[in-house]
Amino acid sequence: MTKRTIFMYGGLLFMLVAIAITLFLVRQQQDIRSRASTSQVQFEFNPATASVSENQIIDTQIILKTGPSGYDISGYDITLNFPSNILELVNFQTSNAFSTELKKTIDNNSGTLSVSSVNIAPAVNTGDVSIGTAKFRVKTTTGEANIGITNAQIVASRQPNYLTTDLTQIATYTVLASNTPTETIESPTPTNAPIATLTPTITPSATPTPTTAINAPTPTPTTLITPTPTTRATVIGDSTGKGCVDITDFSAWLTAFQTHTPIAGTQVDFNEDGSVTILDFAVWLTSFRDPTKKCQ
């Protein structure tokens, strides 16, 4: 076999490999676009890319884009992943777009952040909604850190199901060796107006006063008439069957959500799917914002 023949076959093999790689990348991009087009909301990071150095502090803002749909985001439960060998998560500050932070767990060994927050204030969260800001510290002198959300449950007012979410967006920070002083990279301050946090309170019910039976003066028997109890209409989001929805129902749901143990005498699986999640919160919020269902 001549060198010319070998060169020709080698060139042909190279072209075939290049075509296969090109087709694979095109298919991958099509899959990403397909998932994004069917999603109702999408996450975004700011900054999405940056060159950083050892011991530098990075403030990464997490944004939920609702797009033209205009969903009113009322709560979220997300898991954020980051390379723990490159970055240390110092803190996560929930955005003031959400009035109540339910839980926040930072694990720098596994490189995860689990956080949940809801909004029971009347303000509407539409457009580009700030979830919060993660503060990272760079631990190494070289490397590339990819940050992304691997799990997300997003609820919106008057939506009975979780919103479909595009999780393909990531933030990429390249660590470069540098002898210059480090500086802090800060994301823009969210523009959401401060919202007062509503602290749920449960008012104890009055203890019934025992009654003492009085004997009739004559032996003539008396007939006791038992009042017919008044039945109130069932309202979704009412945890005790009182016939309306108020902040005590939120408190009962919150206890069950955080401790996995419901308060005795309450039922907080409002959508009856067999588990207590933030989807039940969204059901309660819909009734709480309805004047005909909210306790007066």
C-alpha atoms as a PDB file:
ATOM      1  CA  MET A   1       0.000   0.000   0.000  1.00  0.00           C
ATOM      2  CA  THR A   2       1.459   3.329  -1.069  1.00  0.00           C
ATOM      3  CA  LYS A   3       1.781   6.368   1.177  1.00  0.00           C
ATOM      4  CA  ARG A   4      -0.735   8.157  -1.022  1.00  0.00           C
ATOM      5  CA  THR A   5      -3.304   5.427  -0.410  1.00  0.00           C
ATOM      6  CA  ILE A   6      -2.661   5.466   3.329  1.00  0.00           C
ATOM      7  CA  PHE A   7      -3.015   9.253   3.377  1.00  0.00           C
ATOM      8  CA  MET A   8      -6.294   9.039   1.436  1.00  0.00           C
ATOM      9  CA  TYR A   9      -7.800   6.452   3.796  1.00  0.00           C
ATOM     10  CA  GLY A  10      -6.607   8.413   6.813  1.00  0.00           C
ATOM     11  CA  GLY A  11      -8.236  11.571   5.510  1.00  0.00           C
ATOM     12  CA  LEU A  12     -11.473   9.726   4.823  1.00  0.00           C
ATOM     13  CA  LEU A  13     -11.505   8.257   8.338  1.00  0.00           C
ATOM     14  CA  PHE A  14     -10.905  11.711   9.826  1.00  0.00           C
ATOM     15  CA  MET A  15     -13.829  13.133   7.828  1.00  0.00           C
ATOM     16  CA  LEU A  16     -16.143  10.353   9.018  1.00  0.00           C
ATOM     17  CA  VAL A  17     -15.204  10.936  12.659  1.00  0.00           C
ATOM     18  CA  ALA A  18     -15.689  14.700  12.257  1.00  0.00           C
ATOM     19  CA  ILE A  19     -19.146  14.181  10.720  1.00  0.00           C
ATOM     20  CA  ALA A  20     -20.173  11.846  13.555  1.00  0.00           C
ATOM     21  CA  ILE A  21     -19.040  14.348  16.201  1.00  0.00           C
ATOM     22  CA  THR A  22     -20.861  17.183  14.411  1.00  0.00           C
ATOM     23  CA  LEU A  23     -24.104  15.190  14.239  1.00  0.00           C
ATOM     24  CA  PHE A  24     -23.825  14.325  17.940  1.00  0.00           C
ATOM     25  CA  LEU A  25     -23.353  17.985  18.940  1.00  0.00           C
ATOM     26  CA  VAL A  26     -26.243  19.107  16.715  1.00  0.00           C
ATOM     27  CA  ARG A  27     -28.541  16.475  18.251  1.00  0.00           C
ATOM     28  CA  GLN A  28     -27.472  17.524  21.753  1.00  0.00           C
ATOM     29  CA  GLN A  29     -28.261  21.178  21.024  1.00  0.00           C
ATOM     30  CA  GLN A  30     -31.650  20.186  19.592  1.00  0.00           C
ATOM     31  CA  ASP A  31     -32.457  18.215  22.755  1.00  0.00           C
ATOM     32  CA  ILE A  32     -31.526  21.209  24.919  1.00  0.00           C
ATOM     33  CA  ARG A  33     -33.697  23.566  22.831  1.00  0.00           C
ATOM     34  CA  SER A  34     -36.556  21.067  22.937  1.00  0.00           C
ATOM     35  CA  ARG A  35     -36.445  20.850  26.754  1.00  0.00           C
ATOM     36  CA  ALA A  36     -36.222  24.635  27.044  1.00  0.00           C
ATOM     37  CA  SER A  37     -39.163  25.212  24.687  1.00  0.00           C
ATOM     38  CA  THR A  38     -41.451  22.947  26.728  1.00  0.00           C
ATOM     39  CA  SER A  39     -40.451  24.475  30.072  1.00  0.00           C
ATOM     40  CA  GLN A  40     -42.637  27.080  31.746  1.00  0.00           C
ATOM     41  CA  VAL A  41     -39.810  28.731  33.720  1.00  0.00           C
ATOM     42  CA  GLN A  42     -36.018  28.816  33.489  1.00  0.00           C
ATOM     43  CA  PHE A  43     -33.151  29.391  35.908  1.00  0.00           C
ATOM     44  CA  GLU A  44     -30.321  31.827  35.225  1.00  0.00           C
ATOM     45  CA  PHE A  45     -27.120  32.729  37.089  1.00  0.00           C
ATOM     46  CA  ASN A  46     -25.519  36.155  37.395  1.00  0.00           C
ATOM     47  CA  PRO A  47     -22.621  36.247  36.709  1.00  0.00           C
ATOM     48  CA  ALA A  48     -22.855  33.239  34.404  1.00  0.00           C
ATOM     49  CA  THR A  49     -19.104  33.216  33.701  1.00  0.00           C
ATOM     50  CA  ALA A  50     -16.098  34.743  35.454  1.00  0.00           C
ATOM     51  CA  SER A  51     -12.345  34.379  35.892  1.00  0.00           C
ATOM     52  CA  VAL A  52     -11.489  34.143  39.593  1.00  0.00           C
ATOM     53  CA  SER A  53      -8.501  33.490  41.839  1.00  0.00           C
ATOM     54  CA  GLU A  54      -7.819  31.706  45.120  1.00  0.00           C
ATOM     55  CA  ASN A  55      -9.650  33.074  48.198  1.00  0.00           C
ATOM     56  CA  GLN A  56     -11.811  35.314  46.025  1.00  0.00           C
ATOM     57  CA  ILE A  57     -15.442  35.824  47.090  1.00  0.00           C
ATOM     58  CA  ILE A  58     -18.125  35.396  44.413  1.00  0.00           C
ATOM     59  CA  ASP A  59     -21.728  36.537  44.899  1.00  0.00           C
ATOM     60  CA  THR A  60     -23.863  34.463  42.529  1.00  0.00           C
ATOM     61  CA  GLN A  61     -27.455  35.584  42.076  1.00  0.00           C
ATOM     62  CA  ILE A  62     -29.985  32.879  41.143  1.00  0.00           C
ATOM     63  CA  ILE A  63     -32.822  34.173  38.972  1.00  0.00           C
ATOM     64  CA  LEU A  64     -36.022  32.441  37.897  1.00  0.00           C
ATOM     65  CA  LYS A  65     -37.278  33.721  34.553  1.00  0.00           C
ATOM     66  CA  THR A  66     -41.022  33.334  34.063  1.00  0.00           C
ATOM     67  CA  GLY A  67     -41.001  34.712  30.525  1.00  0.00           C
ATOM     68  CA  PRO A  68     -44.175  35.903  28.791  1.00  0.00           C
ATOM     69  CA  SER A  69     -46.350  33.507  30.805  1.00  0.00           C
ATOM     70  CA  GLY A  70     -46.310  35.878  33.795  1.00  0.00           C
ATOM     71  CA  TYR A  71     -46.615  33.175  36.452  1.00  0.00           C
ATOM     72  CA  ASP A  72     -46.830  34.542  40.001  1.00  0.00           C
ATOM     73  CA  ILE A  73     -44.088  32.519  41.722  1.00  0.00           C
ATOM     74  CA  SER A  74     -45.222  31.742  45.277  1.00  0.00           C
ATOM     75  CA  GLY A  75     -42.642  29.186  46.411  1.00  0.00           C
ATOM     76  CA  TYR A  76     -39.669  27.017  45.523  1.00  0.00           C
ATOM     77  CA  ASP A  77     -37.740  24.000  46.770  1.00  0.00           C
ATOM     78  CA  ILE A  78     -34.374  23.621  44.995  1.00  0.00           C
ATOM     79  CA  THR A  79     -31.064  21.769  45.212  1.00  0.00           C
ATOM     80  CA  LEU A  80     -27.926  23.569  44.010  1.00  0.00           C
ATOM     81  CA  ASN A  81     -24.753  21.634  43.209  1.00  0.00           C
ATOM     82  CA  PHE A  82     -21.182  22.976  43.129  1.00  0.00           C
ATOM     83  CA  PRO A  83     -17.670  21.408  43.118  1.00  0.00           C
ATOM     84  CA  SER A  84     -16.678  21.275  46.783  1.00  0.00           C
ATOM     85  CA  ASN A  85     -13.000  20.761  45.894  1.00  0.00           C
ATOM     86  CA  ILE A  86     -12.929  24.200  44.224  1.00  0.00           C
ATOM     87  CA  LEU A  87     -15.612  26.271  45.944  1.00  0.00           C
ATOM     88  CA  GLU A  88     -16.879  26.717  49.498  1.00  0.00           C
ATOM     89  CA  LEU A  89     -20.436  27.981  49.959  1.00  0.00           C
ATOM     90  CA  VAL A  90     -20.165  30.575  52.712  1.00  0.00           C
ATOM     91  CA  ASN A  91     -23.818  31.602  52.845  1.00  0.00           C
ATOM     92  CA  PHE A  92     -27.089  31.786  50.926  1.00  0.00           C
ATOM     93  CA  GLN A  93     -29.303  34.847  51.335  1.00  0.00           C
ATOM     94  CA  THR A  94     -32.930  34.354  50.307  1.00  0.00           C
ATOM     95  CA  SER A  95     -34.348  37.179  48.197  1.00  0.00           C
ATOM     96  CA  ASN A  96     -36.862  39.510  49.825  1.00  0.00           C
ATOM     97  CA  ALA A  97     -39.289  38.445  47.088  1.00  0.00           C
ATOM     98  CA  PHE A  98     -40.092  35.551  49.437  1.00  0.00           C
ATOM     99  CA  SER A  99     -41.438  36.348  52.872  1.00  0.00           C
ATOM    100  CA  THR A 100     -40.692  33.062  54.643  1.00  0.00           C
ATOM    101  CA  GLU A 101     -37.632  30.811  54.369  1.00  0.00           C
ATOM    102  CA  LEU A 102     -38.683  27.251  55.203  1.00  0.00           C
ATOM    103  CA  LYS A 103     -35.359  25.441  55.261  1.00  0.00           C
ATOM    104  CA  LYS A 104     -31.714  25.952  54.273  1.00  0.00           C
ATOM    105  CA  THR A 105     -29.069  23.228  54.376  1.00  0.00           C
ATOM    106  CA  ILE A 106     -25.483  23.846  53.219  1.00  0.00           C
ATOM    107  CA  ASP A 107     -23.218  20.805  52.814  1.00  0.00           C
ATOM    108  CA  ASN A 108     -19.687  21.748  51.736  1.00  0.00           C
ATOM    109  CA  ASN A 109     -18.589  18.114  51.868  1.00  0.00           C
ATOM    110  CA  SER A 110     -20.963  16.970  49.134  1.00  0.00           C
ATOM    111  CA  GLY A 111     -21.195  20.384  47.455  1.00  0.00           C
ATOM    112  CA  THR A 112     -24.949  20.896  47.796  1.00  0.00           C
ATOM    113  CA  LEU A 113     -27.386  23.556  48.929  1.00  0.00           C
ATOM    114  CA  SER A 114     -31.002  22.649  49.691  1.00  0.00           C
ATOM    115  CA  VAL A 115     -33.284  25.629  50.242  1.00  0.00           C
ATOM    116  CA  SER A 116     -37.036  26.287  50.256  1.00  0.00           C
ATOM    117  CA  SER A 117     -38.934  29.571  50.569  1.00  0.00           C
ATOM    118  CA  VAL A 118     -42.499  30.785  50.064  1.00  0.00           C
ATOM    119  CA  ASN A 119     -44.281  34.103  49.750  1.00  0.00           C
ATOM    120  CA  ILE A 120     -47.536  34.699  51.619  1.00  0.00           C
ATOM    121  CA  ALA A 121     -47.435  38.490  51.218  1.00  0.00           C
ATOM    122  CA  PRO A 122     -49.759  40.096  48.650  1.00  0.00           C
ATOM    123  CA  ALA A 123     -46.877  41.203  46.374  1.00  0.00           C
ATOM    124  CA  VAL A 124     -46.734  39.464  42.982  1.00  0.00           C
ATOM    125  CA  ASN A 125     -43.527  37.723  41.797  1.00  0.00           C
ATOM    126  CA  THR A 126     -43.516  37.778  37.988  1.00  0.00           C
ATOM    127  CA  GLY A 127     -40.931  38.435  35.283  1.00  0.00           C
ATOM    128  CA  ASP A 128     -37.347  37.828  36.414  1.00  0.00           C
ATOM    129  CA  VAL A 129     -37.717  36.697  40.018  1.00  0.00           C
ATOM    130  CA  SER A 130     -34.643  36.665  42.251  1.00  0.00           C
ATOM    131  CA  ILE A 131     -34.444  33.448  44.262  1.00  0.00           C
ATOM    132  CA  GLY A 132     -31.473  34.554  46.330  1.00  0.00           C
ATOM    133  CA  THR A 133     -27.695  35.038  46.347  1.00  0.00           C
ATOM    134  CA  ALA A 134     -25.080  32.355  47.006  1.00  0.00           C
ATOM    135  CA  LYS A 135     -21.755  33.579  48.419  1.00  0.00           C
ATOM    136  CA  PHE A 136     -18.825  31.348  47.371  1.00  0.00           C
ATOM    137  CA  ARG A 137     -15.138  31.383  48.327  1.00  0.00           C
ATOM    138  CA  VAL A 138     -12.560  30.041  45.872  1.00  0.00           C
ATOM    139  CA  LYS A 139     -10.455  27.309  47.560  1.00  0.00           C
ATOM    140  CA  THR A 140      -7.906  26.387  44.858  1.00  0.00           C
ATOM    141  CA  THR A 141      -5.395  28.076  42.533  1.00  0.00           C
ATOM    142  CA  THR A 142      -6.544  26.377  39.315  1.00  0.00           C
ATOM    143  CA  GLY A 143      -9.580  24.566  37.964  1.00  0.00           C
ATOM    144  CA  GLU A 144     -13.052  25.161  36.517  1.00  0.00           C
ATOM    145  CA  ALA A 145     -16.175  25.242  38.672  1.00  0.00           C
ATOM    146  CA  ASN A 146     -19.599  24.517  37.201  1.00  0.00           C
ATOM    147  CA  ILE A 147     -22.605  25.466  39.334  1.00  0.00           C
ATOM    148  CA  GLY A 148     -26.089  24.213  38.502  1.00  0.00           C
ATOM    149  CA  ILE A 149     -29.492  23.315  39.879  1.00  0.00           C
ATOM    150  CA  THR A 150     -30.194  19.590  39.780  1.00  0.00           C
ATOM    151  CA  ASN A 151     -33.649  19.528  41.341  1.00  0.00           C
ATOM    152  CA  ALA A 152     -36.387  22.148  41.477  1.00  0.00           C
ATOM    153  CA  GLN A 153     -40.012  22.240  42.576  1.00  0.00           C
ATOM    154  CA  ILE A 154     -41.576  25.575  41.627  1.00  0.00           C
ATOM    155  CA  VAL A 155     -45.136  26.569  42.530  1.00  0.00           C
ATOM    156  CA  ALA A 156     -47.156  29.536  41.353  1.00  0.00           C
ATOM    157  CA  SER A 157     -50.361  31.145  42.531  1.00  0.00           C
ATOM    158  CA  ARG A 158     -53.494  29.506  41.109  1.00  0.00           C
ATOM    159  CA  GLN A 159     -51.477  26.704  39.460  1.00  0.00           C
ATOM    160  CA  PRO A 160     -52.455  23.201  40.676  1.00  0.00           C
ATOM    161  CA  ASN A 161     -49.184  21.528  39.614  1.00  0.00           C
ATOM    162  CA  TYR A 162     -45.459  22.195  39.723  1.00  0.00           C
ATOM    163  CA  LEU A 163     -44.214  24.369  36.889  1.00  0.00           C
ATOM    164  CA  THR A 164     -42.010  22.573  34.360  1.00  0.00           C
ATOM    165  CA  THR A 165     -38.510  23.977  34.792  1.00  0.00           C
ATOM    166  CA  ASP A 166     -35.497  24.226  32.479  1.00  0.00           C
ATOM    167  CA  LEU A 167     -32.391  23.260  34.482  1.00  0.00           C
ATOM    168  CA  THR A 168     -29.863  23.356  31.619  1.00  0.00           C
ATOM    169  CA  GLN A 169     -28.339  26.742  32.513  1.00  0.00           C
ATOM    170  CA  ILE A 170     -25.138  26.674  34.597  1.00  0.00           C
ATOM    171  CA  ALA A 171     -22.553  29.135  35.898  1.00  0.00           C
ATOM    172  CA  THR A 172     -18.902  28.505  35.014  1.00  0.00           C
ATOM    173  CA  TYR A 173     -16.052  30.079  36.981  1.00  0.00           C
ATOM    174  CA  THR A 174     -12.456  29.567  35.824  1.00  0.00           C
ATOM    175  CA  VAL A 175      -9.807  29.721  38.547  1.00  0.00           C
ATOM    176  CA  LEU A 176      -6.570  31.395  37.443  1.00  0.00           C
ATOM    177  CA  ALA A 177      -3.309  31.623  39.380  1.00  0.00           C
ATOM    178  CA  SER A 178      -2.766  35.250  40.392  1.00  0.00           C
ATOM    179  CA  ASN A 179      -0.526  37.216  42.753  1.00  0.00           C
ATOM    180  CA  THR A 180      -2.736  40.284  42.663  1.00  0.00           C
ATOM    181  CA  PRO A 181      -5.045  41.098  45.592  1.00  0.00           C
ATOM    182  CA  THR A 182      -8.389  39.319  45.383  1.00  0.00           C
ATOM    183  CA  GLU A 183     -11.646  41.175  44.974  1.00  0.00           C
ATOM    184  CA  THR A 184     -15.260  40.325  45.488  1.00  0.00           C
ATOM    185  CA  ILE A 185     -17.476  39.693  42.456  1.00  0.00           C
ATOM    186  CA  GLU A 186     -20.945  40.895  43.349  1.00  0.00           C
ATOM    187  CA  SER A 187     -24.096  40.310  41.396  1.00  0.00           C
ATOM    188  CA  PRO A 188     -26.494  43.261  40.969  1.00  0.00           C
ATOM    189  CA  THR A 189     -28.701  43.929  43.978  1.00  0.00           C
ATOM    190  CA  PRO A 190     -32.230  42.533  43.395  1.00  0.00           C
ATOM    191  CA  THR A 191     -34.826  45.247  42.867  1.00  0.00           C
ATOM    192  CA  ASN A 192     -37.644  43.480  44.699  1.00  0.00           C
ATOM    193  CA  ALA A 193     -39.218  45.741  47.289  1.00  0.00           C
ATOM    194  CA  PRO A 194     -38.822  44.563  50.909  1.00  0.00           C
ATOM    195  CA  ILE A 195     -41.697  42.457  52.125  1.00  0.00           C
ATOM    196  CA  ALA A 196     -42.695  42.212  55.752  1.00  0.00           C
ATOM    197  CA  THR A 197     -42.519  38.675  57.053  1.00  0.00           C
ATOM    198  CA  LEU A 198     -45.790  37.402  58.417  1.00  0.00           C
ATOM    199  CA  THR A 199     -45.280  35.323  61.556  1.00  0.00           C
ATOM    200  CA  PRO A 200     -47.993  32.677  61.858  1.00  0.00           C
ATOM    201  CA  THR A 201     -49.627  32.413  65.265  1.00  0.00           C
ATOM    202  CA  ILE A 202     -52.036  29.830  66.552  1.00  0.00           C
ATOM    203  CA  THR A 203     -54.729  31.052  68.933  1.00  0.00           C
ATOM    204  CA  PRO A 204     -55.618  28.387  71.513  1.00  0.00           C
ATOM    205  CA  SER A 205     -59.275  27.471  71.618  1.00  0.00           C
ATOM    206  CA  ALA A 206     -61.244  28.263  74.742  1.00  0.00           C
ATOM    207  CA  THR A 207     -61.623  25.423  77.243  1.00  0.00           C
ATOM    208  CA  PRO A 208     -65.310  24.463  77.513  1.00  0.00           C
ATOM    209  CA  THR A 209     -66.869  25.057  80.972  1.00  0.00           C
ATOM    210  CA  PRO A 210     -68.364  21.892  82.436  1.00  0.00           C
ATOM    211  CA  THR A 211     -72.066  22.016  83.226  1.00  0.00           C
ATOM    212  CA  THR A 212     -73.781  20.451  86.245  1.00  0.00           C
ATOM    213  CA  ALA A 213     -77.056  18.626  85.755  1.00  0.00           C
ATOM    214  CA  ILE A 214     -79.942  19.860  87.944  1.00  0.00           C
ATOM    215  CA  ASN A 215     -82.514  17.334  89.101  1.00  0.00           C
ATOM    216  CA  ALA A 216     -86.068  18.178  88.200  1.00  0.00           C
ATOM    217  CA  PRO A 217     -88.260  18.951  91.231  1.00  0.00           C
ATOM    218  CA  THR A 218     -90.889  16.397  90.091  1.00  0.00           C
ATOM    219  CA  PRO A 219     -90.448  12.803  88.994  1.00  0.00           C
ATOM    220  CA  THR A 220     -91.883  13.673  85.587  1.00  0.00           C
ATOM    221  CA  PRO A 221     -89.202  12.679  83.020  1.00  0.00           C
ATOM    222  CA  THR A 222     -87.853  15.411  80.754  1.00  0.00           C
ATOM    223  CA  THR A 223     -86.831  15.097  77.142  1.00  0.00           C
ATOM    224  CA  LEU A 224     -83.409  16.502  76.226  1.00  0.00           C
ATOM    225  CA  ILE A 225     -83.237  18.204  72.841  1.00  0.00           C
ATOM    226  CA  THR A 226     -79.796  18.008  71.230  1.00  0.00           C
ATOM    227  CA  PRO A 227     -79.061  20.958  68.926  1.00  0.00           C
ATOM    228  CA  THR A 228     -78.328  19.996  65.343  1.00  0.00           C
ATOM    229  CA  PRO A 229     -74.709  20.897  64.529  1.00  0.00           C
ATOM    230  CA  THR A 230     -74.212  23.368  61.714  1.00  0.00           C
ATOM    231  CA  THR A 231     -72.182  21.958  58.836  1.00  0.00           C
ATOM    232  CA  ARG A 232     -69.925  24.472  57.048  1.00  0.00           C
ATOM    233  CA  ALA A 233     -68.779  24.047  53.479  1.00  0.00           C
ATOM    234  CA  THR A 234     -65.400  22.370  53.009  1.00  0.00           C
ATOM    235  CA  VAL A 235     -62.711  24.789  51.848  1.00  0.00           C
ATOM    236  CA  ILE A 236     -59.502  23.514  50.289  1.00  0.00           C
ATOM    237  CA  GLY A 237     -56.605  24.667  52.458  1.00  0.00           C
ATOM    238  CA  ASP A 238     -58.613  24.479  55.689  1.00  0.00           C
ATOM    239  CA  SER A 239     -56.594  22.172  57.963  1.00  0.00           C
ATOM    240  CA  THR A 240     -59.145  21.828  60.784  1.00  0.00           C
ATOM    241  CA  GLY A 241     -62.559  21.874  59.108  1.00  0.00           C
ATOM    242  CA  LYS A 242     -63.580  25.298  60.448  1.00  0.00           C
ATOM    243  CA  GLY A 243     -64.968  26.291  57.053  1.00  0.00           C
ATOM    244  CA  CYS A 244     -62.469  28.998  56.067  1.00  0.00           C
ATOM    245  CA  VAL A 245     -58.727  29.516  55.594  1.00  0.00           C
ATOM    246  CA  ASP A 246     -56.396  31.606  57.761  1.00  0.00           C
ATOM    247  CA  ILE A 247     -52.788  31.837  58.943  1.00  0.00           C
ATOM    248  CA  THR A 248     -53.232  28.970  61.408  1.00  0.00           C
ATOM    249  CA  ASP A 249     -53.638  26.610  58.457  1.00  0.00           C
ATOM    250  CA  PHE A 250     -50.326  27.849  57.070  1.00  0.00           C
ATOM    251  CA  SER A 251     -48.736  27.262  60.467  1.00  0.00           C
ATOM    252  CA  ALA A 252     -50.081  23.702  60.557  1.00  0.00           C
ATOM    253  CA  TRP A 253     -48.770  23.028  57.042  1.00  0.00           C
ATOM    254  CA  LEU A 254     -45.372  24.552  57.900  1.00  0.00           C
ATOM    255  CA  THR A 255     -44.988  22.319  60.962  1.00  0.00           C
ATOM    256  CA  ALA A 256     -45.739  19.196  58.932  1.00  0.00           C
ATOM    257  CA  PHE A 257     -43.454  20.298  56.083  1.00  0.00           C
ATOM    258  CA  GLN A 258     -40.477  21.015  58.353  1.00  0.00           C
ATOM    259  CA  THR A 259     -40.840  18.170  60.872  1.00  0.00           C
ATOM    260  CA  HIS A 260     -42.630  15.548  58.715  1.00  0.00           C
ATOM    261  CA  THR A 261     -45.072  15.201  61.626  1.00  0.00           C
ATOM    262  CA  PRO A 262     -48.493  16.883  61.306  1.00  0.00           C
ATOM    263  CA  ILE A 263     -50.165  18.558  64.282  1.00  0.00           C
ATOM    264  CA  ALA A 264     -52.809  16.292  65.815  1.00  0.00           C
ATOM    265  CA  GLY A 265     -56.277  17.062  64.491  1.00  0.00           C
ATOM    266  CA  THR A 266     -55.046  18.727  61.279  1.00  0.00           C
ATOM    267  CA  GLN A 267     -55.000  17.600  57.661  1.00  0.00           C
ATOM    268  CA  VAL A 268     -52.485  19.534  55.558  1.00  0.00           C
ATOM    269  CA  ASP A 269     -52.132  17.348  52.475  1.00  0.00           C
ATOM    270  CA  PHE A 270     -54.445  19.803  50.768  1.00  0.00           C
ATOM    271  CA  ASN A 271     -54.152  18.347  47.261  1.00  0.00           C
ATOM    272  CA  GLU A 272     -54.452  14.777  48.631  1.00  0.00           C
ATOM    273  CA  ASP A 273     -51.470  13.377  46.727  1.00  0.00           C
ATOM    274  CA  GLY A 274     -50.179  11.461  49.735  1.00  0.00           C
ATOM    275  CA  SER A 275     -47.346  13.795  50.786  1.00  0.00           C
ATOM    276  CA  VAL A 276     -46.866  17.257  52.269  1.00  0.00           C
ATOM    277  CA  THR A 277     -44.944  19.510  49.860  1.00  0.00           C
ATOM    278  CA  ILE A 278     -44.873  23.135  48.762  1.00  0.00           C
ATOM    279  CA  LEU A 279     -47.572  22.207  46.259  1.00  0.00           C
ATOM    280  CA  ASP A 280     -49.940  22.028  49.254  1.00  0.00           C
ATOM    281  CA  PHE A 281     -48.772  25.519  50.205  1.00  0.00           C
ATOM    282  CA  ALA A 282     -49.763  26.769  46.744  1.00  0.00           C
ATOM    283  CA  VAL A 283     -53.241  25.266  47.238  1.00  0.00           C
ATOM    284  CA  TRP A 284     -53.584  26.982  50.626  1.00  0.00           C
ATOM    285  CA  LEU A 285     -52.346  30.313  49.227  1.00  0.00           C
ATOM    286  CA  THR A 286     -54.952  30.290  46.458  1.00  0.00           C
ATOM    287  CA  SER A 287     -57.736  29.993  49.056  1.00  0.00           C
ATOM    288  CA  PHE A 288     -56.029  32.448  51.437  1.00  0.00           C
ATOM    289  CA  ARG A 289     -56.034  35.138  48.726  1.00  0.00           C
ATOM    290  CA  ASP A 290     -59.713  34.497  47.929  1.00  0.00           C
ATOM    291  CA  PRO A 291     -61.940  36.817  50.050  1.00  0.00           C
ATOM    292  CA  THR A 292     -64.775  34.290  49.889  1.00  0.00           C
ATOM    293  CA  LYS A 293     -62.636  31.550  51.486  1.00  0.00           C
ATOM    294  CA  LYS A 294     -60.421  33.544  53.858  1.00  0.00           C
ATOM    295  CA  CYS A 295     -61.546  33.736  57.475  1.00  0.00           C
ATOM    296  CA  GLN A 296     -62.932  37.165  58.324  1.00  0.00           C
END
